Amino acid sequence: MKPSQLLENPLNRDVVSLLAACNIPALEKRVWIDLLPDMTDEEKEDLKENLTEEAEYETRITVEAAEKFIAGLEQFI
């Protein structure tokens, strides 16, 4: 399956977008993308939910780290 064909399906696009956004190793992302065409819609939905949770967690800890960094900088201003 060509990458353009993989992205024709909205559910596949969502999963690929979430994979791109998550901080997981490139090799693991490649494996998921290779497996995606053979997965059922239910499996894709489960993967989408898991990746969404992971992306939300990573966003939350990134924001917390940025807030702490800024607070530290403000002590020197």
PDB file of N, CA and C in Angstrom:
ATOM      1  N   MET A   1       0.841  -1.177   0.000  1.00  0.00           N
ATOM      2  CA  MET A   1       0.000   0.000   0.000  1.00  0.00           C
ATOM      3  C   MET A   1       0.887   1.241   0.000  1.00  0.00           C
ATOM      4  N   LYS A   2       0.559   2.164  -0.859  1.00  0.00           N
ATOM      5  CA  LYS A   2       1.306   3.416  -0.940  1.00  0.00           C
ATOM      6  C   LYS A   2       0.886   4.332   0.215  1.00  0.00           C
ATOM      7  N   PRO A   3       1.800   5.191   0.679  1.00  0.00           N
ATOM      8  CA  PRO A   3       1.431   6.118   1.758  1.00  0.00           C
ATOM      9  C   PRO A   3       0.203   6.952   1.431  1.00  0.00           C
ATOM     10  N   SER A   4       0.071   7.364   0.176  1.00  0.00           N
ATOM     11  CA  SER A   4      -1.094   8.176  -0.194  1.00  0.00           C
ATOM     12  C   SER A   4      -2.391   7.388  -0.035  1.00  0.00           C
ATOM     13  N   GLN A   5      -2.348   6.080  -0.299  1.00  0.00           N
ATOM     14  CA  GLN A   5      -3.534   5.242  -0.126  1.00  0.00           C
ATOM     15  C   GLN A   5      -3.856   5.070   1.355  1.00  0.00           C
ATOM     16  N   LEU A   6      -2.823   4.941   2.159  1.00  0.00           N
ATOM     17  CA  LEU A   6      -3.017   4.777   3.593  1.00  0.00           C
ATOM     18  C   LEU A   6      -3.749   5.983   4.171  1.00  0.00           C
ATOM     19  N   LEU A   7      -3.463   7.160   3.643  1.00  0.00           N
ATOM     20  CA  LEU A   7      -4.037   8.390   4.184  1.00  0.00           C
ATOM     21  C   LEU A   7      -5.411   8.729   3.610  1.00  0.00           C
ATOM     22  N   GLU A   8      -5.927   7.901   2.714  1.00  0.00           N
ATOM     23  CA  GLU A   8      -7.264   8.140   2.164  1.00  0.00           C
ATOM     24  C   GLU A   8      -8.345   7.883   3.211  1.00  0.00           C
ATOM     25  N   ASN A   9      -8.080   7.001   4.141  1.00  0.00           N
ATOM     26  CA  ASN A   9      -9.032   6.639   5.185  1.00  0.00           C
ATOM     27  C   ASN A   9      -8.874   7.609   6.364  1.00  0.00           C
ATOM     28  N   PRO A  10      -9.963   8.287   6.786  1.00  0.00           N
ATOM     29  CA  PRO A  10      -9.857   9.261   7.880  1.00  0.00           C
ATOM     30  C   PRO A  10      -9.320   8.664   9.186  1.00  0.00           C
ATOM     31  N   LEU A  11      -9.702   7.438   9.510  1.00  0.00           N
ATOM     32  CA  LEU A  11      -9.214   6.802  10.733  1.00  0.00           C
ATOM     33  C   LEU A  11      -7.714   6.565  10.640  1.00  0.00           C
ATOM     34  N   ASN A  12      -7.252   6.105   9.482  1.00  0.00           N
ATOM     35  CA  ASN A  12      -5.810   5.922   9.279  1.00  0.00           C
ATOM     36  C   ASN A  12      -5.074   7.251   9.420  1.00  0.00           C
ATOM     37  N   ARG A  13      -5.635   8.305   8.850  1.00  0.00           N
ATOM     38  CA  ARG A  13      -5.010   9.639   8.940  1.00  0.00           C
ATOM     39  C   ARG A  13      -4.879  10.070  10.395  1.00  0.00           C
ATOM     40  N   ASP A  14      -5.944   9.839  11.178  1.00  0.00           N
ATOM     41  CA  ASP A  14      -5.900  10.199  12.597  1.00  0.00           C
ATOM     42  C   ASP A  14      -4.776   9.464  13.311  1.00  0.00           C
ATOM     43  N   VAL A  15      -4.673   8.164  13.060  1.00  0.00           N
ATOM     44  CA  VAL A  15      -3.647   7.358  13.724  1.00  0.00           C
ATOM     45  C   VAL A  15      -2.252   7.810  13.299  1.00  0.00           C
ATOM     46  N   VAL A  16      -2.057   8.033  12.014  1.00  0.00           N
ATOM     47  CA  VAL A  16      -0.747   8.474  11.522  1.00  0.00           C
ATOM     48  C   VAL A  16      -0.393   9.840  12.112  1.00  0.00           C
ATOM     49  N   SER A  17      -1.360  10.736  12.209  1.00  0.00           N
ATOM     50  CA  SER A  17      -1.110  12.053  12.802  1.00  0.00           C
ATOM     51  C   SER A  17      -0.720  11.926  14.265  1.00  0.00           C
ATOM     52  N   LEU A  18      -1.413  11.071  14.990  1.00  0.00           N
ATOM     53  CA  LEU A  18      -1.079  10.866  16.399  1.00  0.00           C
ATOM     54  C   LEU A  18       0.295  10.229  16.553  1.00  0.00           C
ATOM     55  N   LEU A  19       0.624   9.289  15.674  1.00  0.00           N
ATOM     56  CA  LEU A  19       1.963   8.697  15.719  1.00  0.00           C
ATOM     57  C   LEU A  19       3.026   9.768  15.518  1.00  0.00           C
ATOM     58  N   ALA A  20       2.771  10.672  14.594  1.00  0.00           N
ATOM     59  CA  ALA A  20       3.730  11.744  14.328  1.00  0.00           C
ATOM     60  C   ALA A  20       3.882  12.651  15.539  1.00  0.00           C
ATOM     61  N   ALA A  21       2.789  12.865  16.272  1.00  0.00           N
ATOM     62  CA  ALA A  21       2.813  13.790  17.407  1.00  0.00           C
ATOM     63  C   ALA A  21       3.407  13.177  18.669  1.00  0.00           C
ATOM     64  N   CYS A  22       3.352  11.856  18.787  1.00  0.00           N
ATOM     65  CA  CYS A  22       3.823  11.203  20.012  1.00  0.00           C
ATOM     66  C   CYS A  22       5.333  11.046  20.017  1.00  0.00           C
ATOM     67  N   ASN A  23       5.865  11.079  21.213  1.00  0.00           N
ATOM     68  CA  ASN A  23       7.306  10.972  21.399  1.00  0.00           C
ATOM     69  C   ASN A  23       7.708   9.500  21.549  1.00  0.00           C
ATOM     70  N   ILE A  24       7.437   8.717  20.507  1.00  0.00           N
ATOM     71  CA  ILE A  24       7.860   7.320  20.515  1.00  0.00           C
ATOM     72  C   ILE A  24       8.917   7.141  19.431  1.00  0.00           C
ATOM     73  N   PRO A  25       9.787   6.153  19.605  1.00  0.00           N
ATOM     74  CA  PRO A  25      10.882   5.973  18.640  1.00  0.00           C
ATOM     75  C   PRO A  25      10.389   5.781  17.206  1.00  0.00           C
ATOM     76  N   ALA A  26      11.190   6.261  16.276  1.00  0.00           N
ATOM     77  CA  ALA A  26      10.836   6.195  14.855  1.00  0.00           C
ATOM     78  C   ALA A  26      10.590   4.761  14.398  1.00  0.00           C
ATOM     79  N   LEU A  27      11.374   3.815  14.902  1.00  0.00           N
ATOM     80  CA  LEU A  27      11.202   2.419  14.501  1.00  0.00           C
ATOM     81  C   LEU A  27       9.827   1.905  14.921  1.00  0.00           C
ATOM     82  N   GLU A  28       9.404   2.243  16.133  1.00  0.00           N
ATOM     83  CA  GLU A  28       8.084   1.809  16.592  1.00  0.00           C
ATOM     84  C   GLU A  28       6.983   2.460  15.752  1.00  0.00           C
ATOM     85  N   LYS A  29       7.159   3.734  15.400  1.00  0.00           N
ATOM     86  CA  LYS A  29       6.189   4.403  14.536  1.00  0.00           C
ATOM     87  C   LYS A  29       6.102   3.694  13.189  1.00  0.00           C
ATOM     88  N   ARG A  30       7.261   3.331  12.641  1.00  0.00           N
ATOM     89  CA  ARG A  30       7.302   2.654  11.337  1.00  0.00           C
ATOM     90  C   ARG A  30       6.566   1.320  11.410  1.00  0.00           C
ATOM     91  N   VAL A  31       6.750   0.581  12.502  1.00  0.00           N
ATOM     92  CA  VAL A  31       6.075  -0.710  12.665  1.00  0.00           C
ATOM     93  C   VAL A  31       4.560  -0.509  12.674  1.00  0.00           C
ATOM     94  N   TRP A  32       4.082   0.492  13.442  1.00  0.00           N
ATOM     95  CA  TRP A  32       2.645   0.743  13.490  1.00  0.00           C
ATOM     96  C   TRP A  32       2.105   1.127  12.123  1.00  0.00           C
ATOM     97  N   ILE A  33       2.840   1.964  11.400  1.00  0.00           N
ATOM     98  CA  ILE A  33       2.381   2.376  10.070  1.00  0.00           C
ATOM     99  C   ILE A  33       2.335   1.179   9.125  1.00  0.00           C
ATOM    100  N   ASP A  34       3.309   0.275   9.249  1.00  0.00           N
ATOM    101  CA  ASP A  34       3.305  -0.926   8.408  1.00  0.00           C
ATOM    102  C   ASP A  34       2.139  -1.849   8.756  1.00  0.00           C
ATOM    103  N   LEU A  35       1.781  -1.915  10.038  1.00  0.00           N
ATOM    104  CA  LEU A  35       0.691  -2.793  10.478  1.00  0.00           C
ATOM    105  C   LEU A  35      -0.692  -2.198  10.222  1.00  0.00           C
ATOM    106  N   LEU A  36      -0.762  -0.898  10.135  1.00  0.00           N
ATOM    107  CA  LEU A  36      -2.044  -0.195  10.046  1.00  0.00           C
ATOM    108  C   LEU A  36      -2.986  -0.727   8.960  1.00  0.00           C
ATOM    109  N   PRO A  37      -2.512  -0.966   7.733  1.00  0.00           N
ATOM    110  CA  PRO A  37      -3.442  -1.437   6.697  1.00  0.00           C
ATOM    111  C   PRO A  37      -4.115  -2.768   7.029  1.00  0.00           C
ATOM    112  N   ASP A  38      -3.472  -3.605   7.842  1.00  0.00           N
ATOM    113  CA  ASP A  38      -4.026  -4.921   8.155  1.00  0.00           C
ATOM    114  C   ASP A  38      -4.865  -4.940   9.431  1.00  0.00           C
ATOM    115  N   MET A  39      -4.919  -3.824  10.134  1.00  0.00           N
ATOM    116  CA  MET A  39      -5.667  -3.766  11.388  1.00  0.00           C
ATOM    117  C   MET A  39      -7.154  -3.567  11.114  1.00  0.00           C
ATOM    118  N   THR A  40      -7.968  -4.101  12.028  1.00  0.00           N
ATOM    119  CA  THR A  40      -9.412  -3.856  11.941  1.00  0.00           C
ATOM    120  C   THR A  40      -9.690  -2.433  12.420  1.00  0.00           C
ATOM    121  N   ASP A  41     -10.876  -1.937  12.089  1.00  0.00           N
ATOM    122  CA  ASP A  41     -11.247  -0.598  12.557  1.00  0.00           C
ATOM    123  C   ASP A  41     -11.257  -0.534  14.085  1.00  0.00           C
ATOM    124  N   GLU A  42     -11.675  -1.619  14.727  1.00  0.00           N
ATOM    125  CA  GLU A  42     -11.689  -1.654  16.195  1.00  0.00           C
ATOM    126  C   GLU A  42     -10.265  -1.540  16.748  1.00  0.00           C
ATOM    127  N   GLU A  43      -9.332  -2.260  16.145  1.00  0.00           N
ATOM    128  CA  GLU A  43      -7.931  -2.170  16.575  1.00  0.00           C
ATOM    129  C   GLU A  43      -7.376  -0.766  16.346  1.00  0.00           C
ATOM    130  N   LYS A  44      -7.757  -0.177  15.219  1.00  0.00           N
ATOM    131  CA  LYS A  44      -7.309   1.191  14.925  1.00  0.00           C
ATOM    132  C   LYS A  44      -7.873   2.176  15.939  1.00  0.00           C
ATOM    133  N   GLU A  45      -9.143   1.999  16.305  1.00  0.00           N
ATOM    134  CA  GLU A  45      -9.760   2.882  17.304  1.00  0.00           C
ATOM    135  C   GLU A  45      -9.052   2.743  18.652  1.00  0.00           C
ATOM    136  N   ASP A  46      -8.730   1.500  19.036  1.00  0.00           N
ATOM    137  CA  ASP A  46      -7.997   1.283  20.286  1.00  0.00           C
ATOM    138  C   ASP A  46      -6.635   1.961  20.240  1.00  0.00           C
ATOM    139  N   LEU A  47      -5.943   1.801  19.125  1.00  0.00           N
ATOM    140  CA  LEU A  47      -4.634   2.434  18.965  1.00  0.00           C
ATOM    141  C   LEU A  47      -4.779   3.949  19.017  1.00  0.00           C
ATOM    142  N   LYS A  48      -5.801   4.471  18.354  1.00  0.00           N
ATOM    143  CA  LYS A  48      -6.043   5.919  18.354  1.00  0.00           C
ATOM    144  C   LYS A  48      -6.269   6.419  19.781  1.00  0.00           C
ATOM    145  N   GLU A  49      -7.075   5.693  20.561  1.00  0.00           N
ATOM    146  CA  GLU A  49      -7.329   6.085  21.951  1.00  0.00           C
ATOM    147  C   GLU A  49      -6.036   6.073  22.764  1.00  0.00           C
ATOM    148  N   ASN A  50      -5.241   5.023  22.609  1.00  0.00           N
ATOM    149  CA  ASN A  50      -3.981   4.929  23.350  1.00  0.00           C
ATOM    150  C   ASN A  50      -3.024   6.050  22.963  1.00  0.00           C
ATOM    151  N   LEU A  51      -2.925   6.330  21.678  1.00  0.00           N
ATOM    152  CA  LEU A  51      -2.030   7.393  21.217  1.00  0.00           C
ATOM    153  C   LEU A  51      -2.527   8.765  21.655  1.00  0.00           C
ATOM    154  N   THR A  52      -3.850   8.938  21.686  1.00  0.00           N
ATOM    155  CA  THR A  52      -4.417  10.204  22.159  1.00  0.00           C
ATOM    156  C   THR A  52      -4.065  10.417  23.624  1.00  0.00           C
ATOM    157  N   GLU A  53      -4.217   9.371  24.436  1.00  0.00           N
ATOM    158  CA  GLU A  53      -3.849   9.468  25.854  1.00  0.00           C
ATOM    159  C   GLU A  53      -2.365   9.786  26.003  1.00  0.00           C
ATOM    160  N   GLU A  54      -1.530   9.129  25.210  1.00  0.00           N
ATOM    161  CA  GLU A  54      -0.091   9.368  25.282  1.00  0.00           C
ATOM    162  C   GLU A  54       0.244  10.801  24.870  1.00  0.00           C
ATOM    163  N   ALA A  55      -0.388  11.285  23.811  1.00  0.00           N
ATOM    164  CA  ALA A  55      -0.134  12.655  23.354  1.00  0.00           C
ATOM    165  C   ALA A  55      -0.592  13.670  24.397  1.00  0.00           C
ATOM    166  N   GLU A  56      -1.741  13.424  25.027  1.00  0.00           N
ATOM    167  CA  GLU A  56      -2.230  14.329  26.071  1.00  0.00           C
ATOM    168  C   GLU A  56      -1.277  14.342  27.262  1.00  0.00           C
ATOM    169  N   TYR A  57      -0.786  13.165  27.657  1.00  0.00           N
ATOM    170  CA  TYR A  57       0.174  13.078  28.761  1.00  0.00           C
ATOM    171  C   TYR A  57       1.454  13.835  28.418  1.00  0.00           C
ATOM    172  N   GLU A  58       1.984  13.603  27.232  1.00  0.00           N
ATOM    173  CA  GLU A  58       3.223  14.267  26.830  1.00  0.00           C
ATOM    174  C   GLU A  58       3.043  15.775  26.750  1.00  0.00           C
ATOM    175  N   THR A  59       1.881  16.212  26.291  1.00  0.00           N
ATOM    176  CA  THR A  59       1.599  17.649  26.247  1.00  0.00           C
ATOM    177  C   THR A  59       1.564  18.215  27.661  1.00  0.00           C
ATOM    178  N   ARG A  60       0.900  17.508  28.563  1.00  0.00           N
ATOM    179  CA  ARG A  60       0.790  17.961  29.950  1.00  0.00           C
ATOM    180  C   ARG A  60       2.161  18.072  30.616  1.00  0.00           C
ATOM    181  N   ILE A  61       3.011  17.058  30.455  1.00  0.00           N
ATOM    182  CA  ILE A  61       4.317  17.135  31.117  1.00  0.00           C
ATOM    183  C   ILE A  61       5.222  18.172  30.454  1.00  0.00           C
ATOM    184  N   THR A  62       5.040  18.400  29.160  1.00  0.00           N
ATOM    185  CA  THR A  62       5.818  19.441  28.477  1.00  0.00           C
ATOM    186  C   THR A  62       5.418  20.817  28.986  1.00  0.00           C
ATOM    187  N   VAL A  63       4.119  21.037  29.155  1.00  0.00           N
ATOM    188  CA  VAL A  63       3.635  22.320  29.676  1.00  0.00           C
ATOM    189  C   VAL A  63       4.135  22.522  31.107  1.00  0.00           C
ATOM    190  N   GLU A  64       4.064  21.476  31.932  1.00  0.00           N
ATOM    191  CA  GLU A  64       4.551  21.581  33.311  1.00  0.00           C
ATOM    192  C   GLU A  64       6.036  21.915  33.342  1.00  0.00           C
ATOM    193  N   ALA A  65       6.808  21.268  32.493  1.00  0.00           N
ATOM    194  CA  ALA A  65       8.249  21.535  32.444  1.00  0.00           C
ATOM    195  C   ALA A  65       8.519  22.963  31.986  1.00  0.00           C
ATOM    196  N   ALA A  66       7.764  23.426  31.000  1.00  0.00           N
ATOM    197  CA  ALA A  66       7.937  24.799  30.510  1.00  0.00           C
ATOM    198  C   ALA A  66       7.589  25.808  31.600  1.00  0.00           C
ATOM    199  N   GLU A  67       6.515  25.550  32.340  1.00  0.00           N
ATOM    200  CA  GLU A  67       6.124  26.450  33.431  1.00  0.00           C
ATOM    201  C   GLU A  67       7.211  26.516  34.499  1.00  0.00           C
ATOM    202  N   LYS A  68       7.786  25.364  34.853  1.00  0.00           N
ATOM    203  CA  LYS A  68       8.865  25.339  35.849  1.00  0.00           C
ATOM    204  C   LYS A  68      10.099  26.074  35.330  1.00  0.00           C
ATOM    205  N   PHE A  69      10.409  25.892  34.071  1.00  0.00           N
ATOM    206  CA  PHE A  69      11.559  26.565  33.468  1.00  0.00           C
ATOM    207  C   PHE A  69      11.361  28.080  33.493  1.00  0.00           C
ATOM    208  N   ILE A  70      10.169  28.520  33.100  1.00  0.00           N
ATOM    209  CA  ILE A  70       9.874  29.961  33.094  1.00  0.00           C
ATOM    210  C   ILE A  70       9.915  30.518  34.516  1.00  0.00           C
ATOM    211  N   ALA A  71       9.360  29.773  35.472  1.00  0.00           N
ATOM    212  CA  ALA A  71       9.400  30.220  36.871  1.00  0.00           C
ATOM    213  C   ALA A  71      10.848  30.355  37.343  1.00  0.00           C
ATOM    214  N   GLY A  72      11.693  29.428  36.944  1.00  0.00           N
ATOM    215  CA  GLY A  72      13.112  29.510  37.294  1.00  0.00           C
ATOM    216  C   GLY A  72      13.782  30.720  36.675  1.00  0.00           C
ATOM    217  N   LEU A  73      13.454  31.009  35.433  1.00  0.00           N
ATOM    218  CA  LEU A  73      14.023  32.183  34.762  1.00  0.00           C
ATOM    219  C   LEU A  73      13.573  33.479  35.425  1.00  0.00           C
ATOM    220  N   GLU A  74      12.316  33.503  35.861  1.00  0.00           N
ATOM    221  CA  GLU A  74      11.773  34.712  36.477  1.00  0.00           C
ATOM    222  C   GLU A  74      12.507  35.076  37.759  1.00  0.00           C
ATOM    223  N   GLN A  75      13.124  34.111  38.405  1.00  0.00           N
ATOM    224  CA  GLN A  75      13.891  34.390  39.621  1.00  0.00           C
ATOM    225  C   GLN A  75      15.121  35.235  39.318  1.00  0.00           C
ATOM    226  N   PHE A  76      15.587  35.194  38.095  1.00  0.00           N
ATOM    227  CA  PHE A  76      16.790  35.927  37.719  1.00  0.00           C
ATOM    228  C   PHE A  76      16.485  37.277  37.084  1.00  0.00           C
ATOM    229  N   ILE A  77      15.205  37.573  36.907  1.00  0.00           N
ATOM    230  CA  ILE A  77      14.835  38.845  36.269  1.00  0.00           C
ATOM    231  C   ILE A  77      14.659  39.917  37.323  1.00  0.00           C
TER     232      ILE A  77
END
